[in-house]
Amino acid sequence: MGKESFKRLDLSISGMHCASCVAKIEKALAQANGVKEARVNLATETASILYDPAKTVPLHFTKAIQDLGFGIKKEKIVLPIQGMSCASCVSKVETALNKIPGVIQANVNLALQNATVNITPGKVTVRDLAREVEALGYKVPHIEEGPGIDKERLDREEEVKNLKQKFLAGLILIIPLLS
């Protein structure tokens, strides 16, 4: 089997504190089916894995790391997709997204007409994902440029900010009444 059949995946890991943590993770990853090489760097908190995509998927690596008690730093992107009409469409899009470097896992939902994609932050953008989907002949409605944006999280943060401002304004107005 030639080197070209192997794929490299970089994962950001949280919770490592020492060389023993590094050794545990490297050992678990190296023993996974289809892994040619696994290197973990404590200073950069990353794991670099060279693996055969025909034998395994990145989800197995994230599960192995999490089973050891460490976390995976990832970002969730929900990508709207128009034009999918059957399970074959879903399979085609899901397979294409999962092949993009930096994608940890992609799940496509026909009923919701979207893909939920977990990525390694800074390794892939929403635009990269959209380009891949559009190359298959599907349409991705207007999306935000730059790295993936978790719209729900941003909306919640904005709501909390507004509630804090209203609370402070109310507090300022009620203090004179209590005096």
N, C-alpha and C. Protein backbone atom coordinates (compact mmCIF):
# COMPACT_ATOMS: atom_id res chain seq x y z
N MET A 1 0.85 -1.19 0.00
CA MET A 1 0.00 0.00 0.00
C MET A 1 0.89 1.24 0.00
N GLY A 2 0.66 2.17 -0.93
CA GLY A 2 1.48 3.36 -1.05
C GLY A 2 1.11 4.44 -0.06
N LYS A 3 2.03 5.38 0.12
CA LYS A 3 1.83 6.47 1.07
C LYS A 3 0.61 7.32 0.70
N GLU A 4 0.29 7.40 -0.60
CA GLU A 4 -0.81 8.24 -1.04
C GLU A 4 -2.17 7.77 -0.54
N SER A 5 -2.26 6.51 -0.06
CA SER A 5 -3.53 6.02 0.44
C SER A 5 -3.77 6.45 1.88
N PHE A 6 -2.76 7.03 2.53
CA PHE A 6 -2.91 7.46 3.92
C PHE A 6 -3.33 8.93 3.97
N LYS A 7 -4.07 9.25 5.02
CA LYS A 7 -4.56 10.60 5.22
C LYS A 7 -4.07 11.09 6.59
N ARG A 8 -3.79 12.38 6.69
CA ARG A 8 -3.34 12.96 7.95
C ARG A 8 -4.48 13.73 8.60
N LEU A 9 -4.61 13.53 9.91
CA LEU A 9 -5.62 14.25 10.69
C LEU A 9 -4.93 14.89 11.88
N ASP A 10 -5.16 16.18 12.09
CA ASP A 10 -4.65 16.88 13.27
C ASP A 10 -5.83 17.18 14.18
N LEU A 11 -5.72 16.79 15.43
CA LEU A 11 -6.76 17.05 16.41
C LEU A 11 -6.21 17.91 17.54
N SER A 12 -7.01 18.84 18.03
CA SER A 12 -6.64 19.64 19.19
C SER A 12 -7.19 18.92 20.42
N ILE A 13 -6.32 18.71 21.41
CA ILE A 13 -6.69 17.93 22.59
C ILE A 13 -6.62 18.81 23.83
N SER A 14 -7.58 18.66 24.73
CA SER A 14 -7.55 19.40 25.99
C SER A 14 -7.39 18.41 27.14
N GLY A 15 -6.81 18.89 28.23
CA GLY A 15 -6.68 18.07 29.43
C GLY A 15 -5.35 17.36 29.60
N MET A 16 -4.41 17.55 28.68
CA MET A 16 -3.09 16.92 28.83
C MET A 16 -2.25 17.78 29.79
N HIS A 17 -1.53 17.10 30.70
CA HIS A 17 -0.73 17.84 31.67
C HIS A 17 0.73 17.43 31.71
N CYS A 18 1.06 16.23 31.16
CA CYS A 18 2.42 15.74 31.31
C CYS A 18 2.76 14.75 30.20
N ALA A 19 4.00 14.28 30.23
CA ALA A 19 4.47 13.31 29.24
C ALA A 19 3.72 11.99 29.33
N SER A 20 3.25 11.66 30.51
CA SER A 20 2.46 10.43 30.69
C SER A 20 1.14 10.52 29.91
N CYS A 21 0.52 11.68 29.92
CA CYS A 21 -0.72 11.90 29.15
C CYS A 21 -0.44 11.69 27.66
N VAL A 22 0.66 12.27 27.20
CA VAL A 22 1.05 12.16 25.80
C VAL A 22 1.25 10.69 25.44
N ALA A 23 1.97 9.96 26.29
CA ALA A 23 2.25 8.55 26.02
C ALA A 23 0.97 7.72 25.96
N LYS A 24 0.04 7.98 26.88
CA LYS A 24 -1.25 7.24 26.88
C LYS A 24 -2.00 7.45 25.56
N ILE A 25 -2.08 8.70 25.14
CA ILE A 25 -2.83 9.02 23.92
C ILE A 25 -2.13 8.43 22.70
N GLU A 26 -0.81 8.60 22.62
CA GLU A 26 -0.06 8.04 21.48
C GLU A 26 -0.25 6.53 21.39
N LYS A 27 -0.18 5.84 22.53
CA LYS A 27 -0.34 4.38 22.56
C LYS A 27 -1.73 3.98 22.07
N ALA A 28 -2.76 4.65 22.58
CA ALA A 28 -4.14 4.32 22.19
C ALA A 28 -4.35 4.56 20.69
N LEU A 29 -3.83 5.66 20.18
CA LEU A 29 -4.01 5.98 18.77
C LEU A 29 -3.21 5.02 17.88
N ALA A 30 -1.99 4.69 18.28
CA ALA A 30 -1.14 3.80 17.49
C ALA A 30 -1.73 2.40 17.39
N GLN A 31 -2.50 1.99 18.40
CA GLN A 31 -3.10 0.66 18.40
C GLN A 31 -4.41 0.60 17.61
N ALA A 32 -4.92 1.75 17.21
CA ALA A 32 -6.18 1.77 16.46
C ALA A 32 -5.98 1.18 15.07
N ASN A 33 -6.99 0.50 14.59
CA ASN A 33 -6.95 -0.12 13.27
C ASN A 33 -6.72 0.94 12.19
N GLY A 34 -5.79 0.68 11.28
CA GLY A 34 -5.55 1.56 10.15
C GLY A 34 -4.59 2.70 10.40
N VAL A 35 -4.06 2.81 11.62
CA VAL A 35 -3.14 3.91 11.94
C VAL A 35 -1.71 3.51 11.60
N LYS A 36 -1.07 4.33 10.80
CA LYS A 36 0.34 4.11 10.45
C LYS A 36 1.24 4.78 11.48
N GLU A 37 0.84 6.01 11.90
CA GLU A 37 1.67 6.78 12.82
C GLU A 37 0.78 7.73 13.62
N ALA A 38 1.11 7.89 14.91
CA ALA A 38 0.40 8.85 15.76
C ALA A 38 1.42 9.57 16.62
N ARG A 39 1.39 10.89 16.55
CA ARG A 39 2.30 11.71 17.35
C ARG A 39 1.47 12.75 18.11
N VAL A 40 1.79 12.91 19.38
CA VAL A 40 1.09 13.87 20.23
C VAL A 40 2.10 14.88 20.75
N ASN A 41 1.73 16.16 20.69
CA ASN A 41 2.60 17.24 21.14
C ASN A 41 1.94 17.93 22.33
N LEU A 42 2.58 17.84 23.49
CA LEU A 42 2.04 18.45 24.70
C LEU A 42 2.00 19.97 24.60
N ALA A 43 3.06 20.56 24.06
CA ALA A 43 3.16 22.02 23.99
C ALA A 43 2.06 22.64 23.13
N THR A 44 1.76 22.01 22.00
CA THR A 44 0.73 22.56 21.11
C THR A 44 -0.63 21.92 21.34
N GLU A 45 -0.69 20.95 22.23
CA GLU A 45 -1.93 20.23 22.55
C GLU A 45 -2.59 19.66 21.31
N THR A 46 -1.78 19.01 20.46
CA THR A 46 -2.32 18.43 19.24
C THR A 46 -1.85 16.99 19.06
N ALA A 47 -2.67 16.25 18.34
CA ALA A 47 -2.31 14.90 17.91
C ALA A 47 -2.31 14.92 16.39
N SER A 48 -1.28 14.33 15.80
CA SER A 48 -1.20 14.22 14.36
C SER A 48 -1.22 12.73 14.04
N ILE A 49 -2.21 12.32 13.26
CA ILE A 49 -2.44 10.91 13.00
C ILE A 49 -2.38 10.66 11.50
N LEU A 50 -1.57 9.69 11.10
CA LEU A 50 -1.50 9.26 9.71
C LEU A 50 -2.24 7.92 9.65
N TYR A 51 -3.34 7.87 8.89
CA TYR A 51 -4.18 6.68 8.90
C TYR A 51 -4.71 6.34 7.52
N ASP A 52 -5.22 5.13 7.39
CA ASP A 52 -5.81 4.64 6.15
C ASP A 52 -7.31 4.86 6.23
N PRO A 53 -7.88 5.79 5.44
CA PRO A 53 -9.32 6.07 5.52
C PRO A 53 -10.20 4.89 5.08
N ALA A 54 -9.60 3.90 4.42
CA ALA A 54 -10.37 2.72 4.03
C ALA A 54 -10.59 1.79 5.23
N LYS A 55 -9.79 1.97 6.29
CA LYS A 55 -9.87 1.08 7.45
C LYS A 55 -10.49 1.72 8.69
N THR A 56 -10.52 3.04 8.75
CA THR A 56 -11.04 3.71 9.94
C THR A 56 -11.50 5.12 9.61
N VAL A 57 -12.18 5.75 10.56
CA VAL A 57 -12.66 7.13 10.40
C VAL A 57 -12.22 7.96 11.61
N PRO A 58 -12.11 9.28 11.45
CA PRO A 58 -11.66 10.14 12.55
C PRO A 58 -12.47 10.00 13.84
N LEU A 59 -13.73 9.64 13.73
CA LEU A 59 -14.57 9.48 14.92
C LEU A 59 -13.98 8.45 15.88
N HIS A 60 -13.33 7.42 15.35
CA HIS A 60 -12.71 6.40 16.21
C HIS A 60 -11.58 7.01 17.04
N PHE A 61 -10.84 7.95 16.46
CA PHE A 61 -9.74 8.58 17.19
C PHE A 61 -10.27 9.48 18.30
N THR A 62 -11.29 10.26 17.98
CA THR A 62 -11.85 11.16 19.00
C THR A 62 -12.44 10.34 20.15
N LYS A 63 -13.08 9.23 19.84
CA LYS A 63 -13.66 8.37 20.88
C LYS A 63 -12.55 7.78 21.75
N ALA A 64 -11.46 7.30 21.13
CA ALA A 64 -10.34 6.73 21.89
C ALA A 64 -9.74 7.76 22.84
N ILE A 65 -9.59 8.99 22.38
CA ILE A 65 -9.03 10.06 23.21
C ILE A 65 -9.98 10.40 24.35
N GLN A 66 -11.27 10.50 24.05
CA GLN A 66 -12.26 10.82 25.07
C GLN A 66 -12.41 9.69 26.08
N ASP A 67 -12.27 8.44 25.63
CA ASP A 67 -12.34 7.30 26.55
C ASP A 67 -11.21 7.32 27.56
N LEU A 68 -10.10 7.96 27.23
CA LEU A 68 -8.97 8.10 28.15
C LEU A 68 -9.18 9.26 29.13
N GLY A 69 -10.23 10.04 28.92
CA GLY A 69 -10.54 11.16 29.82
C GLY A 69 -10.07 12.52 29.34
N PHE A 70 -9.66 12.60 28.08
CA PHE A 70 -9.22 13.88 27.53
C PHE A 70 -10.31 14.44 26.62
N GLY A 71 -10.23 15.72 26.33
CA GLY A 71 -11.23 16.35 25.48
C GLY A 71 -10.69 16.65 24.09
N ILE A 72 -11.60 16.78 23.15
CA ILE A 72 -11.26 17.16 21.79
C ILE A 72 -11.81 18.55 21.56
N LYS A 73 -10.95 19.47 21.15
CA LYS A 73 -11.41 20.82 20.83
C LYS A 73 -11.96 20.77 19.41
N LYS A 74 -13.24 21.07 19.27
CA LYS A 74 -13.85 21.05 17.95
C LYS A 74 -14.88 22.15 17.85
N GLU A 75 -15.26 22.42 16.65
CA GLU A 75 -16.24 23.45 16.36
C GLU A 75 -17.36 22.80 15.55
N LYS A 76 -18.59 23.14 15.87
CA LYS A 76 -19.74 22.57 15.17
C LYS A 76 -20.28 23.58 14.16
N ILE A 77 -20.47 23.11 12.94
CA ILE A 77 -21.02 23.95 11.88
C ILE A 77 -22.27 23.25 11.36
N VAL A 78 -23.35 24.00 11.25
CA VAL A 78 -24.56 23.48 10.62
C VAL A 78 -24.66 24.16 9.26
N LEU A 79 -24.54 23.35 8.22
CA LEU A 79 -24.49 23.85 6.85
C LEU A 79 -25.80 23.53 6.13
N PRO A 80 -26.58 24.54 5.75
CA PRO A 80 -27.81 24.27 5.00
C PRO A 80 -27.48 23.80 3.58
N ILE A 81 -28.21 22.80 3.10
CA ILE A 81 -27.96 22.25 1.76
C ILE A 81 -29.30 22.10 1.05
N GLN A 82 -29.37 22.63 -0.16
CA GLN A 82 -30.60 22.53 -0.95
C GLN A 82 -30.38 21.60 -2.13
N GLY A 83 -31.41 20.81 -2.46
CA GLY A 83 -31.35 19.98 -3.65
C GLY A 83 -31.19 18.49 -3.37
N MET A 84 -31.05 18.09 -2.12
CA MET A 84 -30.96 16.67 -1.82
C MET A 84 -32.37 16.07 -1.85
N SER A 85 -32.50 14.89 -2.47
CA SER A 85 -33.83 14.31 -2.59
C SER A 85 -33.93 12.85 -2.15
N CYS A 86 -32.78 12.22 -1.83
CA CYS A 86 -32.83 10.80 -1.47
C CYS A 86 -31.64 10.41 -0.60
N ALA A 87 -31.64 9.17 -0.15
CA ALA A 87 -30.56 8.65 0.70
C ALA A 87 -29.23 8.64 -0.04
N SER A 88 -29.27 8.46 -1.35
CA SER A 88 -28.05 8.47 -2.14
C SER A 88 -27.40 9.86 -2.11
N CYS A 89 -28.21 10.90 -2.17
CA CYS A 89 -27.71 12.27 -2.08
C CYS A 89 -27.03 12.48 -0.72
N VAL A 90 -27.68 12.02 0.33
CA VAL A 90 -27.15 12.16 1.68
C VAL A 90 -25.80 11.46 1.78
N SER A 91 -25.72 10.25 1.29
CA SER A 91 -24.49 9.47 1.34
C SER A 91 -23.36 10.16 0.57
N LYS A 92 -23.69 10.69 -0.61
CA LYS A 92 -22.69 11.35 -1.45
C LYS A 92 -22.13 12.59 -0.75
N VAL A 93 -23.00 13.41 -0.17
CA VAL A 93 -22.56 14.63 0.51
C VAL A 93 -21.77 14.29 1.77
N GLU A 94 -22.27 13.35 2.55
CA GLU A 94 -21.60 12.95 3.79
C GLU A 94 -20.19 12.42 3.52
N THR A 95 -20.07 11.57 2.50
CA THR A 95 -18.77 11.01 2.14
C THR A 95 -17.80 12.12 1.72
N ALA A 96 -18.27 13.05 0.91
CA ALA A 96 -17.42 14.15 0.44
C ALA A 96 -16.97 15.03 1.60
N LEU A 97 -17.88 15.37 2.49
CA LEU A 97 -17.52 16.23 3.62
C LEU A 97 -16.52 15.54 4.55
N ASN A 98 -16.72 14.25 4.79
CA ASN A 98 -15.82 13.51 5.68
C ASN A 98 -14.42 13.36 5.13
N LYS A 99 -14.24 13.58 3.82
CA LYS A 99 -12.92 13.47 3.20
C LYS A 99 -12.11 14.77 3.30
N ILE A 100 -12.74 15.86 3.69
CA ILE A 100 -12.06 17.16 3.76
C ILE A 100 -11.11 17.17 4.97
N PRO A 101 -9.84 17.52 4.76
CA PRO A 101 -8.90 17.62 5.88
C PRO A 101 -9.42 18.62 6.91
N GLY A 102 -9.41 18.22 8.17
CA GLY A 102 -9.91 19.08 9.25
C GLY A 102 -11.30 18.73 9.69
N VAL A 103 -12.02 17.91 8.91
CA VAL A 103 -13.36 17.47 9.30
C VAL A 103 -13.21 16.25 10.21
N ILE A 104 -13.79 16.33 11.39
CA ILE A 104 -13.76 15.21 12.33
C ILE A 104 -14.90 14.26 12.02
N GLN A 105 -16.10 14.83 11.82
CA GLN A 105 -17.25 14.02 11.49
C GLN A 105 -18.32 14.90 10.85
N ALA A 106 -18.95 14.35 9.81
CA ALA A 106 -20.06 15.05 9.15
C ALA A 106 -21.26 14.13 9.11
N ASN A 107 -22.41 14.67 9.50
CA ASN A 107 -23.68 13.94 9.43
C ASN A 107 -24.66 14.78 8.62
N VAL A 108 -25.26 14.17 7.62
CA VAL A 108 -26.20 14.89 6.76
C VAL A 108 -27.61 14.41 7.07
N ASN A 109 -28.54 15.37 7.15
CA ASN A 109 -29.93 15.07 7.46
C ASN A 109 -30.79 15.48 6.28
N LEU A 110 -31.41 14.49 5.63
CA LEU A 110 -32.25 14.77 4.46
C LEU A 110 -33.49 15.58 4.84
N ALA A 111 -34.14 15.22 5.94
CA ALA A 111 -35.37 15.90 6.35
C ALA A 111 -35.12 17.38 6.66
N LEU A 112 -34.02 17.66 7.32
CA LEU A 112 -33.70 19.05 7.68
C LEU A 112 -32.95 19.78 6.57
N GLN A 113 -32.50 19.02 5.55
CA GLN A 113 -31.75 19.61 4.43
C GLN A 113 -30.51 20.36 4.94
N ASN A 114 -29.73 19.67 5.83
CA ASN A 114 -28.51 20.29 6.30
C ASN A 114 -27.47 19.24 6.66
N ALA A 115 -26.27 19.71 6.93
CA ALA A 115 -25.18 18.85 7.40
C ALA A 115 -24.66 19.45 8.69
N THR A 116 -24.48 18.60 9.69
CA THR A 116 -23.84 19.01 10.93
C THR A 116 -22.42 18.48 10.87
N VAL A 117 -21.46 19.42 10.90
CA VAL A 117 -20.07 19.05 10.68
C VAL A 117 -19.23 19.50 11.87
N ASN A 118 -18.51 18.55 12.48
CA ASN A 118 -17.57 18.87 13.54
C ASN A 118 -16.19 18.98 12.91
N ILE A 119 -15.55 20.13 13.14
CA ILE A 119 -14.24 20.38 12.52
C ILE A 119 -13.20 20.71 13.58
N THR A 120 -11.94 20.56 13.20
CA THR A 120 -10.84 21.04 14.03
C THR A 120 -10.74 22.54 13.77
N PRO A 121 -10.88 23.37 14.81
CA PRO A 121 -10.84 24.82 14.60
C PRO A 121 -9.58 25.28 13.87
N GLY A 122 -9.79 26.15 12.89
CA GLY A 122 -8.68 26.73 12.15
C GLY A 122 -8.17 25.87 10.99
N LYS A 123 -8.70 24.68 10.83
CA LYS A 123 -8.22 23.78 9.77
C LYS A 123 -9.11 23.80 8.54
N VAL A 124 -10.36 24.18 8.70
CA VAL A 124 -11.30 24.20 7.58
C VAL A 124 -12.32 25.31 7.84
N THR A 125 -12.83 25.91 6.77
CA THR A 125 -13.80 26.99 6.91
C THR A 125 -15.15 26.56 6.36
N VAL A 126 -16.16 27.33 6.66
CA VAL A 126 -17.50 27.09 6.13
C VAL A 126 -17.45 27.15 4.61
N ARG A 127 -16.67 28.08 4.09
CA ARG A 127 -16.55 28.22 2.63
C ARG A 127 -15.97 26.95 2.01
N ASP A 128 -14.99 26.31 2.67
CA ASP A 128 -14.42 25.04 2.17
C ASP A 128 -15.50 23.98 2.09
N LEU A 129 -16.32 23.89 3.12
CA LEU A 129 -17.40 22.89 3.15
C LEU A 129 -18.41 23.17 2.04
N ALA A 130 -18.79 24.42 1.90
CA ALA A 130 -19.78 24.80 0.89
C ALA A 130 -19.26 24.51 -0.52
N ARG A 131 -17.99 24.80 -0.76
CA ARG A 131 -17.40 24.53 -2.07
C ARG A 131 -17.49 23.05 -2.43
N GLU A 132 -17.21 22.20 -1.46
CA GLU A 132 -17.26 20.75 -1.68
C GLU A 132 -18.68 20.29 -2.00
N VAL A 133 -19.66 20.81 -1.27
CA VAL A 133 -21.06 20.44 -1.50
C VAL A 133 -21.53 20.95 -2.86
N GLU A 134 -21.16 22.18 -3.19
CA GLU A 134 -21.58 22.76 -4.47
C GLU A 134 -20.93 22.04 -5.65
N ALA A 135 -19.73 21.50 -5.45
CA ALA A 135 -19.05 20.74 -6.50
C ALA A 135 -19.82 19.46 -6.84
N LEU A 136 -20.63 19.00 -5.90
CA LEU A 136 -21.45 17.80 -6.13
C LEU A 136 -22.77 18.14 -6.84
N GLY A 137 -23.04 19.44 -7.00
CA GLY A 137 -24.25 19.87 -7.70
C GLY A 137 -25.38 20.32 -6.80
N TYR A 138 -25.12 20.44 -5.51
CA TYR A 138 -26.15 20.91 -4.57
C TYR A 138 -25.91 22.39 -4.29
N LYS A 139 -26.91 23.05 -3.72
CA LYS A 139 -26.80 24.48 -3.45
C LYS A 139 -26.69 24.71 -1.95
N VAL A 140 -25.79 25.61 -1.59
CA VAL A 140 -25.64 26.03 -0.21
C VAL A 140 -26.07 27.49 -0.15
N PRO A 141 -27.19 27.78 0.54
CA PRO A 141 -27.64 29.17 0.65
C PRO A 141 -26.57 30.04 1.30
N HIS A 142 -26.76 31.34 1.25
CA HIS A 142 -25.79 32.29 1.79
C HIS A 142 -25.27 31.83 3.15
N ILE A 143 -23.97 31.86 3.28
CA ILE A 143 -23.33 31.47 4.53
C ILE A 143 -22.36 32.55 4.95
N GLU A 144 -22.02 32.56 6.23
CA GLU A 144 -21.05 33.51 6.76
C GLU A 144 -19.66 33.12 6.29
N GLU A 145 -18.84 34.09 5.96
CA GLU A 145 -17.45 33.83 5.57
C GLU A 145 -16.61 33.57 6.81
N GLY A 146 -15.45 32.99 6.61
CA GLY A 146 -14.52 32.73 7.70
C GLY A 146 -14.81 31.40 8.37
N PRO A 147 -14.22 31.20 9.57
CA PRO A 147 -14.41 29.93 10.25
C PRO A 147 -15.88 29.73 10.61
N GLY A 148 -16.25 28.51 10.86
CA GLY A 148 -17.63 28.17 11.18
C GLY A 148 -18.16 28.96 12.35
N ILE A 149 -19.44 29.26 12.30
CA ILE A 149 -20.06 30.04 13.35
C ILE A 149 -21.21 29.26 13.92
N ASP A 150 -21.19 29.07 15.22
CA ASP A 150 -22.29 28.38 15.88
C ASP A 150 -23.34 29.45 16.17
N LYS A 151 -24.31 29.59 15.26
CA LYS A 151 -25.32 30.66 15.32
C LYS A 151 -26.08 30.65 16.63
N GLU A 152 -26.46 29.46 17.12
CA GLU A 152 -27.21 29.38 18.37
C GLU A 152 -26.41 29.97 19.53
N ARG A 153 -25.13 29.63 19.60
CA ARG A 153 -24.29 30.13 20.69
C ARG A 153 -24.20 31.65 20.64
N LEU A 154 -24.00 32.20 19.44
CA LEU A 154 -23.92 33.66 19.31
C LEU A 154 -25.23 34.33 19.69
N ASP A 155 -26.35 33.72 19.30
CA ASP A 155 -27.66 34.26 19.66
C ASP A 155 -27.87 34.25 21.18
N ARG A 156 -27.46 33.14 21.83
CA ARG A 156 -27.60 33.04 23.29
C ARG A 156 -26.73 34.10 23.98
N GLU A 157 -25.50 34.28 23.49
CA GLU A 157 -24.62 35.29 24.09
C GLU A 157 -25.21 36.69 23.96
N GLU A 158 -25.79 36.97 22.81
CA GLU A 158 -26.42 38.28 22.59
C GLU A 158 -27.62 38.47 23.52
N GLU A 159 -28.41 37.42 23.69
CA GLU A 159 -29.58 37.47 24.59
C GLU A 159 -29.15 37.71 26.03
N VAL A 160 -28.11 37.03 26.49
CA VAL A 160 -27.61 37.22 27.85
C VAL A 160 -27.11 38.65 28.03
N LYS A 161 -26.42 39.17 27.04
CA LYS A 161 -25.93 40.55 27.10
C LYS A 161 -27.10 41.53 27.23
N ASN A 162 -28.14 41.33 26.43
CA ASN A 162 -29.31 42.21 26.50
C ASN A 162 -30.01 42.12 27.85
N LEU A 163 -30.14 40.91 28.38
CA LEU A 163 -30.79 40.74 29.69
C LEU A 163 -29.98 41.41 30.80
N LYS A 164 -28.66 41.33 30.73
CA LYS A 164 -27.82 41.99 31.73
C LYS A 164 -28.02 43.50 31.69
N GLN A 165 -28.09 44.05 30.47
CA GLN A 165 -28.28 45.49 30.33
C GLN A 165 -29.64 45.91 30.89
N LYS A 166 -30.67 45.14 30.63
CA LYS A 166 -32.01 45.45 31.15
C LYS A 166 -32.03 45.34 32.67
N PHE A 167 -31.36 44.34 33.21
CA PHE A 167 -31.31 44.17 34.66
C PHE A 167 -30.62 45.36 35.32
N LEU A 168 -29.48 45.77 34.77
CA LEU A 168 -28.75 46.90 35.35
C LEU A 168 -29.57 48.19 35.26
N ALA A 169 -30.24 48.40 34.14
CA ALA A 169 -31.08 49.59 33.99
C ALA A 169 -32.21 49.57 35.02
N GLY A 170 -32.81 48.41 35.21
CA GLY A 170 -33.89 48.29 36.20
C GLY A 170 -33.38 48.51 37.61
N LEU A 171 -32.19 48.00 37.88
CA LEU A 171 -31.59 48.16 39.20
C LEU A 171 -31.32 49.63 39.50
N ILE A 172 -30.81 50.34 38.50
CA ILE A 172 -30.51 51.77 38.67
C ILE A 172 -31.80 52.56 38.92
N LEU A 173 -32.85 52.17 38.23
CA LEU A 173 -34.12 52.89 38.40
C LEU A 173 -34.82 52.58 39.73
N ILE A 174 -34.63 51.40 40.27
CA ILE A 174 -35.33 51.02 41.49
C ILE A 174 -34.63 51.48 42.76
N ILE A 175 -33.33 51.73 42.70
CA ILE A 175 -32.58 52.15 43.90
C ILE A 175 -33.15 53.41 44.52
N PRO A 176 -33.48 54.47 43.75
CA PRO A 176 -34.06 55.67 44.37
C PRO A 176 -35.41 55.38 45.07
N LEU A 177 -36.16 54.43 44.57
CA LEU A 177 -37.45 54.09 45.19
C LEU A 177 -37.25 53.38 46.53
N LEU A 178 -36.16 52.68 46.70
CA LEU A 178 -35.91 51.95 47.94
C LEU A 178 -35.32 52.85 49.00
N SER A 179 -34.84 54.03 48.63
CA SER A 179 -34.21 54.93 49.61
C SER A 179 -35.21 55.66 50.46
